[in-house]
């Protein structure tokens, strides 16, 4: 319980810190099956991401 109480005391500081983070587009389902890469793309330093159904703007929380 003491650990929870300590955490609870600092929650506003954590939330304030999160608010300062930049907002960015996030894929939210990034794993190997959603990455397409062929030899030409690899030489060019490019890849293709598929399955964007869970994409969102992330990085900060609005309360």
N, C-alpha and C. Protein backbone atom coordinates (compact mmCIF):
# COMPACT_ATOMS: atom_id res chain seq x y z
N UNK A 1 0.83 -1.18 0.00
CA UNK A 1 0.00 0.00 0.00
C UNK A 1 0.88 1.26 0.00
N UNK A 2 2.00 1.20 0.69
CA UNK A 2 2.89 2.36 0.74
C UNK A 2 3.40 2.71 -0.65
N UNK A 3 3.74 1.70 -1.44
CA UNK A 3 4.21 1.95 -2.81
C UNK A 3 3.13 2.61 -3.64
N UNK A 4 1.91 2.15 -3.52
CA UNK A 4 0.79 2.76 -4.25
C UNK A 4 0.59 4.21 -3.84
N UNK A 5 0.65 4.46 -2.56
CA UNK A 5 0.48 5.83 -2.03
C UNK A 5 1.55 6.75 -2.59
N UNK A 6 2.80 6.28 -2.63
CA UNK A 6 3.91 7.08 -3.19
C UNK A 6 3.67 7.36 -4.67
N UNK A 7 3.24 6.34 -5.40
CA UNK A 7 2.96 6.51 -6.82
C UNK A 7 1.83 7.51 -7.03
N UNK A 8 0.80 7.39 -6.23
CA UNK A 8 -0.36 8.28 -6.35
C UNK A 8 0.03 9.74 -6.12
N UNK A 9 0.96 9.98 -5.22
CA UNK A 9 1.39 11.36 -4.94
C UNK A 9 2.07 12.00 -6.15
N UNK A 10 2.73 11.19 -6.98
CA UNK A 10 3.45 11.73 -8.12
C UNK A 10 2.69 11.68 -9.43
N UNK A 11 1.44 11.22 -9.41
CA UNK A 11 0.70 11.01 -10.66
C UNK A 11 0.51 12.31 -11.44
N UNK A 12 0.26 13.41 -10.77
CA UNK A 12 0.07 14.68 -11.49
C UNK A 12 1.34 15.13 -12.19
N UNK A 13 2.49 14.88 -11.57
CA UNK A 13 3.76 15.21 -12.22
C UNK A 13 3.95 14.36 -13.47
N UNK A 14 3.62 13.06 -13.39
CA UNK A 14 3.72 12.17 -14.55
C UNK A 14 2.79 12.64 -15.66
N UNK A 15 1.55 12.97 -15.32
CA UNK A 15 0.60 13.42 -16.34
C UNK A 15 1.05 14.73 -16.98
N UNK A 16 1.60 15.62 -16.19
CA UNK A 16 2.12 16.87 -16.74
C UNK A 16 3.26 16.58 -17.73
N UNK A 17 4.15 15.66 -17.36
CA UNK A 17 5.25 15.29 -18.25
C UNK A 17 4.76 14.68 -19.54
N UNK A 18 3.73 13.87 -19.48
CA UNK A 18 3.16 13.28 -20.68
C UNK A 18 2.57 14.35 -21.58
N UNK A 19 1.93 15.35 -20.98
CA UNK A 19 1.36 16.46 -21.76
C UNK A 19 2.43 17.21 -22.57
N UNK A 20 3.67 17.21 -22.09
CA UNK A 20 4.74 17.92 -22.77
C UNK A 20 5.30 17.16 -23.97
N UNK A 21 4.98 15.87 -24.08
CA UNK A 21 5.48 15.07 -25.20
C UNK A 21 4.86 15.53 -26.51
N UNK A 22 5.62 15.44 -27.60
CA UNK A 22 5.05 15.81 -28.90
C UNK A 22 4.02 14.78 -29.33
N UNK A 23 3.01 15.24 -30.03
CA UNK A 23 2.01 14.34 -30.58
C UNK A 23 2.50 13.87 -31.94
N UNK A 24 2.29 12.59 -32.24
CA UNK A 24 2.81 12.01 -33.46
C UNK A 24 1.89 10.90 -33.96
N UNK A 25 1.95 10.61 -35.24
CA UNK A 25 1.19 9.51 -35.80
C UNK A 25 1.86 8.20 -35.39
N UNK A 26 1.09 7.28 -34.84
CA UNK A 26 1.62 5.99 -34.40
C UNK A 26 0.86 4.85 -35.09
N UNK A 27 1.59 3.87 -35.57
CA UNK A 27 1.00 2.72 -36.27
C UNK A 27 0.18 1.86 -35.30
N UNK A 28 0.67 1.62 -34.12
CA UNK A 28 0.03 0.88 -33.03
C UNK A 28 -0.09 -0.63 -33.25
N UNK A 29 0.39 -1.15 -34.38
CA UNK A 29 0.35 -2.60 -34.64
C UNK A 29 1.61 -2.98 -35.42
N UNK A 30 2.75 -2.49 -34.97
CA UNK A 30 4.01 -2.62 -35.68
C UNK A 30 4.70 -3.93 -35.32
N UNK A 31 4.66 -4.87 -36.22
CA UNK A 31 5.41 -6.11 -36.06
C UNK A 31 5.73 -6.67 -37.44
N UNK A 32 6.55 -7.70 -37.53
CA UNK A 32 7.13 -8.14 -38.81
C UNK A 32 6.11 -8.47 -39.89
N UNK A 33 4.93 -8.95 -39.54
CA UNK A 33 3.94 -9.30 -40.56
C UNK A 33 3.31 -8.05 -41.21
N UNK A 34 3.50 -6.90 -40.63
CA UNK A 34 2.96 -5.66 -41.18
C UNK A 34 4.04 -4.83 -41.88
N UNK A 35 5.20 -5.42 -42.13
CA UNK A 35 6.30 -4.74 -42.80
C UNK A 35 6.59 -5.46 -44.11
N UNK A 36 6.58 -4.71 -45.21
CA UNK A 36 6.91 -5.28 -46.51
C UNK A 36 8.21 -4.63 -46.97
N UNK A 37 9.16 -5.45 -47.37
CA UNK A 37 10.47 -4.97 -47.79
C UNK A 37 11.01 -5.87 -48.88
N UNK A 38 11.29 -5.29 -50.04
CA UNK A 38 11.92 -6.08 -51.10
C UNK A 38 13.35 -5.59 -51.30
N UNK A 39 14.09 -6.24 -52.19
CA UNK A 39 15.51 -5.91 -52.34
C UNK A 39 15.72 -4.49 -52.84
N UNK A 40 14.86 -4.00 -53.73
CA UNK A 40 14.99 -2.62 -54.23
C UNK A 40 14.76 -1.64 -53.08
N UNK A 41 13.70 -1.86 -52.31
CA UNK A 41 13.42 -0.98 -51.17
C UNK A 41 14.57 -1.01 -50.18
N UNK A 42 15.13 -2.18 -49.96
CA UNK A 42 16.23 -2.32 -49.01
C UNK A 42 17.43 -1.50 -49.47
N UNK A 43 17.75 -1.54 -50.77
CA UNK A 43 18.87 -0.76 -51.30
C UNK A 43 18.61 0.73 -51.17
N UNK A 44 17.33 1.13 -51.29
CA UNK A 44 16.97 2.55 -51.19
C UNK A 44 16.75 2.99 -49.74
N UNK A 45 16.81 2.04 -48.81
CA UNK A 45 16.57 2.38 -47.41
C UNK A 45 15.12 2.68 -47.12
N UNK A 46 14.20 2.03 -47.84
CA UNK A 46 12.76 2.27 -47.69
C UNK A 46 12.07 0.95 -47.34
N UNK A 47 10.91 1.07 -46.71
CA UNK A 47 10.07 -0.09 -46.46
C UNK A 47 8.62 0.34 -46.53
N UNK A 48 7.71 -0.63 -46.58
CA UNK A 48 6.28 -0.35 -46.64
C UNK A 48 5.61 -0.95 -45.42
N UNK A 49 4.77 -0.16 -44.76
CA UNK A 49 3.99 -0.65 -43.62
C UNK A 49 2.55 -0.82 -44.05
N UNK A 50 1.95 -1.95 -43.67
CA UNK A 50 0.55 -2.21 -43.99
C UNK A 50 -0.25 -2.36 -42.69
N UNK A 51 -1.56 -2.48 -42.82
CA UNK A 51 -2.48 -2.70 -41.70
C UNK A 51 -2.47 -1.53 -40.72
N UNK A 52 -3.04 -0.43 -41.16
CA UNK A 52 -3.07 0.80 -40.38
C UNK A 52 -4.37 0.99 -39.59
N UNK A 53 -5.13 -0.08 -39.38
CA UNK A 53 -6.44 0.08 -38.75
C UNK A 53 -6.38 0.59 -37.32
N UNK A 54 -5.25 0.40 -36.62
CA UNK A 54 -5.13 0.87 -35.24
C UNK A 54 -4.33 2.17 -35.14
N UNK A 55 -4.02 2.81 -36.26
CA UNK A 55 -3.23 4.04 -36.25
C UNK A 55 -3.95 5.13 -35.45
N UNK A 56 -3.18 5.95 -34.78
CA UNK A 56 -3.75 7.03 -33.99
C UNK A 56 -2.72 8.12 -33.78
N UNK A 57 -3.19 9.24 -33.33
CA UNK A 57 -2.30 10.31 -32.88
C UNK A 57 -1.98 10.02 -31.42
N UNK A 58 -0.70 9.87 -31.12
CA UNK A 58 -0.28 9.47 -29.77
C UNK A 58 0.80 10.42 -29.27
N UNK A 59 1.16 10.23 -28.02
CA UNK A 59 2.26 10.99 -27.45
C UNK A 59 1.86 11.81 -26.26
N UNK A 60 0.60 12.13 -26.14
CA UNK A 60 0.18 12.84 -24.94
C UNK A 60 -1.26 12.46 -24.63
N UNK A 61 -1.62 12.68 -23.41
CA UNK A 61 -2.95 12.32 -22.93
C UNK A 61 -3.70 13.60 -22.61
N UNK A 62 -4.89 13.71 -23.07
CA UNK A 62 -5.73 14.87 -22.74
C UNK A 62 -6.74 14.44 -21.69
N UNK A 63 -6.71 15.09 -20.54
CA UNK A 63 -7.64 14.75 -19.43
C UNK A 63 -8.53 15.92 -19.17
